[in-house]
Every structure is written in structure tokens, then in C-alpha cells.
Amino acid sequence: QVQLVESGGGLVQAGGSLRLSCEYSGRTFNTYGMGWFRQAPGKERGFVASISWSGGNIYYVDSVRGRFTISRDNAKNTVYLQMNNLKPSDTAVYYCAASRSYSGTYYSASLDREYDYWGQGTRVTVSS
């Protein structure tokens, strides 16, 4: 069974930082591309960041570039999202996802339908 479990969400003031973690398990899981998505209340789920199995291919949505950093530690079966200089507009439930066929293009990596497995999400609330 493939499982992804997010953690690290919470309430933080604008300008603060959080680090989200996603622990994963499953057959050949470390060869999968990983992504972070987020969904604000009443909004569609949207792409945040993605990383290839080797860490050599990384994408960010424009609104988080320079503030967020995605990374992974395959030995620990964990992908991270370091979030700095948080803004109220970052408030959302953040989801970790895994793709069996990560293509290395921004277009495909940013589409939630390209991901095969999803975690349950962790809530991030940024106050003004």
C-alpha cells in the first residue's frame, strides 16, 4: 500500500516560517516525483512545488518562488517544503502527492491529475 502523511502545519504570523514534511512508503516510491499542492477555503486546489526523484528537477509556482524550498531525503522517505516569509495568501491546506511518471516539464508537474497518490493534507494558517 502506498501512503503519504503530511505534518508540520500550524498557525503562524505573516513573515514567519514553517517546514512541512511528507513521509511516504510504498514499492519503488523513491523513484517517484513528488509535489506539493494547496487548497484555500472555497478555492480550487493549486500547484505549489515539485521535485524529481533525484532532486535535480524542481519547479515552483511564481507566487512562492524565492520564499519556499522543496527538498527530499530518499533515505528517510521524506519530502519537505520549507516555507519562509509566509503571507496570509499562503493560508491553505497543503497536500503532498506522488507521481509514478514525473515528466520533468512544468506543465505536467503542475497538474494534480498527473499525480497518483495523495496525502490527507496539513493546514497552514497565516495571520496578518
C-alpha atoms as a PDB file:
ATOM      1  CA  GLN A   1       0.000   0.000   0.000  1.00  0.00           C
ATOM      2  CA  VAL A   2       1.217   3.494  -0.847  1.00  0.00           C
ATOM      3  CA  GLN A   3       0.777   6.054   1.893  1.00  0.00           C
ATOM      4  CA  LEU A   4       1.741   9.700   2.294  1.00  0.00           C
ATOM      5  CA  VAL A   5       1.415  11.539   5.604  1.00  0.00           C
ATOM      6  CA  GLU A   6       1.920  15.299   5.878  1.00  0.00           C
ATOM      7  CA  SER A   7       2.890  17.118   9.050  1.00  0.00           C
ATOM      8  CA  GLY A   8       4.206  20.477  10.175  1.00  0.00           C
ATOM      9  CA  GLY A   9       1.225  22.708   9.523  1.00  0.00           C
ATOM     10  CA  GLY A  10       0.036  25.244  12.023  1.00  0.00           C
ATOM     11  CA  LEU A  11      -0.752  28.867  12.713  1.00  0.00           C
ATOM     12  CA  VAL A  12       1.946  31.450  12.091  1.00  0.00           C
ATOM     13  CA  GLN A  13       2.099  35.219  11.769  1.00  0.00           C
ATOM     14  CA  ALA A  14       2.879  36.865   8.456  1.00  0.00           C
ATOM     15  CA  GLY A  15       6.614  36.842   7.846  1.00  0.00           C
ATOM     16  CA  GLY A  16       7.103  33.659   9.812  1.00  0.00           C
ATOM     17  CA  SER A  17       8.257  30.238   8.684  1.00  0.00           C
ATOM     18  CA  LEU A  18       7.075  26.654   8.713  1.00  0.00           C
ATOM     19  CA  ARG A  19       8.532  23.426   7.400  1.00  0.00           C
ATOM     20  CA  LEU A  20       6.135  20.816   6.120  1.00  0.00           C
ATOM     21  CA  SER A  21       7.130  17.171   5.959  1.00  0.00           C
ATOM     22  CA  CYS A  22       5.666  14.323   3.961  1.00  0.00           C
ATOM     23  CA  GLU A  23       6.647  10.828   4.978  1.00  0.00           C
ATOM     24  CA  TYR A  24       5.919   8.242   2.324  1.00  0.00           C
ATOM     25  CA  SER A  25       6.005   4.491   1.876  1.00  0.00           C
ATOM     26  CA  GLY A  26       5.406   2.082  -0.974  1.00  0.00           C
ATOM     27  CA  ARG A  27       7.087  -0.067  -3.586  1.00  0.00           C
ATOM     28  CA  THR A  28       9.699   1.822  -5.666  1.00  0.00           C
ATOM     29  CA  PHE A  29       8.438   5.015  -4.081  1.00  0.00           C
ATOM     30  CA  ASN A  30      11.795   6.803  -4.180  1.00  0.00           C
ATOM     31  CA  THR A  31      11.723   6.806  -7.990  1.00  0.00           C
ATOM     32  CA  TYR A  32       8.559   8.887  -7.987  1.00  0.00           C
ATOM     33  CA  GLY A  33       8.356  12.599  -8.487  1.00  0.00           C
ATOM     34  CA  MET A  34       6.829  14.468  -5.566  1.00  0.00           C
ATOM     35  CA  GLY A  35       4.669  17.549  -5.470  1.00  0.00           C
ATOM     36  CA  TRP A  36       3.091  19.949  -3.032  1.00  0.00           C
ATOM     37  CA  PHE A  37      -0.334  21.419  -3.726  1.00  0.00           C
ATOM     38  CA  ARG A  38      -2.549  23.658  -1.659  1.00  0.00           C
ATOM     39  CA  GLN A  39      -6.226  24.455  -1.413  1.00  0.00           C
ATOM     40  CA  ALA A  40      -7.573  27.569   0.252  1.00  0.00           C
ATOM     41  CA  PRO A  41     -11.143  27.623   1.584  1.00  0.00           C
ATOM     42  CA  GLY A  42     -13.596  27.862  -1.302  1.00  0.00           C
ATOM     43  CA  LYS A  43     -10.815  27.699  -3.899  1.00  0.00           C
ATOM     44  CA  GLU A  44      -9.527  25.131  -6.367  1.00  0.00           C
ATOM     45  CA  ARG A  45      -6.509  23.070  -5.436  1.00  0.00           C
ATOM     46  CA  GLY A  46      -3.380  24.539  -6.995  1.00  0.00           C
ATOM     47  CA  PHE A  47       0.244  23.641  -7.596  1.00  0.00           C
ATOM     48  CA  VAL A  48       2.964  24.843  -5.237  1.00  0.00           C
ATOM     49  CA  ALA A  49       6.191  22.956  -5.970  1.00  0.00           C
ATOM     50  CA  SER A  50       7.544  19.683  -7.324  1.00  0.00           C
ATOM     51  CA  ILE A  51      10.778  17.702  -7.252  1.00  0.00           C
ATOM     52  CA  SER A  52      12.091  14.732  -9.220  1.00  0.00           C
ATOM     53  CA  TRP A  53      13.333  11.539  -7.600  1.00  0.00           C
ATOM     54  CA  SER A  54      16.959  12.708  -7.746  1.00  0.00           C
ATOM     55  CA  GLY A  55      16.192  16.263  -6.685  1.00  0.00           C
ATOM     56  CA  GLY A  56      17.627  17.589  -9.942  1.00  0.00           C
ATOM     57  CA  ASN A  57      14.355  18.866 -11.394  1.00  0.00           C
ATOM     58  CA  ILE A  58      12.446  21.399  -9.282  1.00  0.00           C
ATOM     59  CA  TYR A  59       9.570  23.742 -10.077  1.00  0.00           C
ATOM     60  CA  TYR A  60       7.719  26.401  -8.103  1.00  0.00           C
ATOM     61  CA  VAL A  61       4.619  28.386  -8.750  1.00  0.00           C
ATOM     62  CA  ASP A  62       5.563  32.037  -9.250  1.00  0.00           C
ATOM     63  CA  SER A  63       3.856  33.206  -6.073  1.00  0.00           C
ATOM     64  CA  VAL A  64       6.166  31.148  -3.828  1.00  0.00           C
ATOM     65  CA  ARG A  65       9.447  31.262  -5.747  1.00  0.00           C
ATOM     66  CA  GLY A  66      12.193  32.646  -3.540  1.00  0.00           C
ATOM     67  CA  ARG A  67      10.199  32.004  -0.371  1.00  0.00           C
ATOM     68  CA  PHE A  68       9.550  28.254  -0.461  1.00  0.00           C
ATOM     69  CA  THR A  69      12.068  25.450  -0.923  1.00  0.00           C
ATOM     70  CA  ILE A  70      11.170  21.871  -1.780  1.00  0.00           C
ATOM     71  CA  SER A  71      13.632  19.107  -0.973  1.00  0.00           C
ATOM     72  CA  ARG A  72      13.676  15.383  -0.357  1.00  0.00           C
ATOM     73  CA  ASP A  73      15.654  12.844   1.602  1.00  0.00           C
ATOM     74  CA  ASN A  74      15.128   9.496  -0.058  1.00  0.00           C
ATOM     75  CA  ALA A  75      16.967   7.640   2.701  1.00  0.00           C
ATOM     76  CA  LYS A  76      14.349   8.946   5.135  1.00  0.00           C
ATOM     77  CA  ASN A  77      11.427   8.552   2.726  1.00  0.00           C
ATOM     78  CA  THR A  78      10.551  12.189   3.255  1.00  0.00           C
ATOM     79  CA  VAL A  79       9.893  15.255   1.128  1.00  0.00           C
ATOM     80  CA  TYR A  80       9.944  18.722   2.682  1.00  0.00           C
ATOM     81  CA  LEU A  81       8.536  22.136   1.951  1.00  0.00           C
ATOM     82  CA  GLN A  82      10.371  24.917   3.764  1.00  0.00           C
ATOM     83  CA  MET A  83       8.153  27.991   3.765  1.00  0.00           C
ATOM     84  CA  ASN A  84       9.693  31.349   4.662  1.00  0.00           C
ATOM     85  CA  ASN A  85       8.250  34.856   4.707  1.00  0.00           C
ATOM     86  CA  LEU A  86       4.747  33.473   4.834  1.00  0.00           C
ATOM     87  CA  LYS A  87       1.868  35.649   3.696  1.00  0.00           C
ATOM     88  CA  PRO A  88      -1.842  35.487   4.539  1.00  0.00           C
ATOM     89  CA  SER A  89      -2.430  34.401   0.931  1.00  0.00           C
ATOM     90  CA  ASP A  90      -0.469  31.228   1.711  1.00  0.00           C
ATOM     91  CA  THR A  91      -3.238  30.089   4.054  1.00  0.00           C
ATOM     92  CA  ALA A  92      -4.477  26.726   2.798  1.00  0.00           C
ATOM     93  CA  VAL A  93      -4.489  23.014   3.354  1.00  0.00           C
ATOM     94  CA  TYR A  94      -1.240  21.700   1.904  1.00  0.00           C
ATOM     95  CA  TYR A  95      -1.193  18.293   0.231  1.00  0.00           C
ATOM     96  CA  CYS A  96       1.720  16.054  -0.643  1.00  0.00           C
ATOM     97  CA  ALA A  97       1.436  13.985  -3.823  1.00  0.00           C
ATOM     98  CA  ALA A  98       3.481  11.358  -5.671  1.00  0.00           C
ATOM     99  CA  SER A  99       3.719  10.748  -9.408  1.00  0.00           C
ATOM    100  CA  ARG A 100       4.775   7.465 -10.987  1.00  0.00           C
ATOM    101  CA  SER A 101       5.567   9.199 -14.274  1.00  0.00           C
ATOM    102  CA  TYR A 102       7.033  12.585 -13.387  1.00  0.00           C
ATOM    103  CA  SER A 103       7.907  14.080 -16.767  1.00  0.00           C
ATOM    104  CA  GLY A 104      10.286  16.853 -15.833  1.00  0.00           C
ATOM    105  CA  THR A 105       8.170  19.542 -17.508  1.00  0.00           C
ATOM    106  CA  TYR A 106       6.496  22.317 -15.580  1.00  0.00           C
ATOM    107  CA  TYR A 107       3.211  21.833 -17.395  1.00  0.00           C
ATOM    108  CA  SER A 108       2.766  18.210 -16.381  1.00  0.00           C
ATOM    109  CA  ALA A 109       4.265  18.576 -12.903  1.00  0.00           C
ATOM    110  CA  SER A 110       1.822  21.371 -12.060  1.00  0.00           C
ATOM    111  CA  LEU A 111      -1.312  19.348 -12.868  1.00  0.00           C
ATOM    112  CA  ASP A 112      -2.872  17.477  -9.999  1.00  0.00           C
ATOM    113  CA  ARG A 113      -4.188  14.810 -12.364  1.00  0.00           C
ATOM    114  CA  GLU A 114      -0.591  13.758 -13.075  1.00  0.00           C
ATOM    115  CA  TYR A 115      -0.186  12.538  -9.504  1.00  0.00           C
ATOM    116  CA  ASP A 116      -1.224   9.066  -8.438  1.00  0.00           C
ATOM    117  CA  TYR A 117      -1.107   9.218  -4.638  1.00  0.00           C
ATOM    118  CA  TRP A 118      -2.123  11.917  -2.192  1.00  0.00           C
ATOM    119  CA  GLY A 119      -1.809  12.595   1.496  1.00  0.00           C
ATOM    120  CA  GLN A 120      -4.621  13.840   3.700  1.00  0.00           C
ATOM    121  CA  GLY A 121      -3.244  17.363   3.987  1.00  0.00           C
ATOM    122  CA  THR A 122      -1.964  19.637   6.721  1.00  0.00           C
ATOM    123  CA  ARG A 123      -3.428  23.054   7.405  1.00  0.00           C
ATOM    124  CA  VAL A 124      -1.346  26.225   7.290  1.00  0.00           C
ATOM    125  CA  THR A 125      -2.882  29.431   8.605  1.00  0.00           C
ATOM    126  CA  VAL A 126      -1.005  32.715   8.242  1.00  0.00           C
ATOM    127  CA  SER A 127      -2.369  35.647  10.208  1.00  0.00           C
ATOM    128  CA  SER A 128      -1.869  39.277   9.289  1.00  0.00           C
END
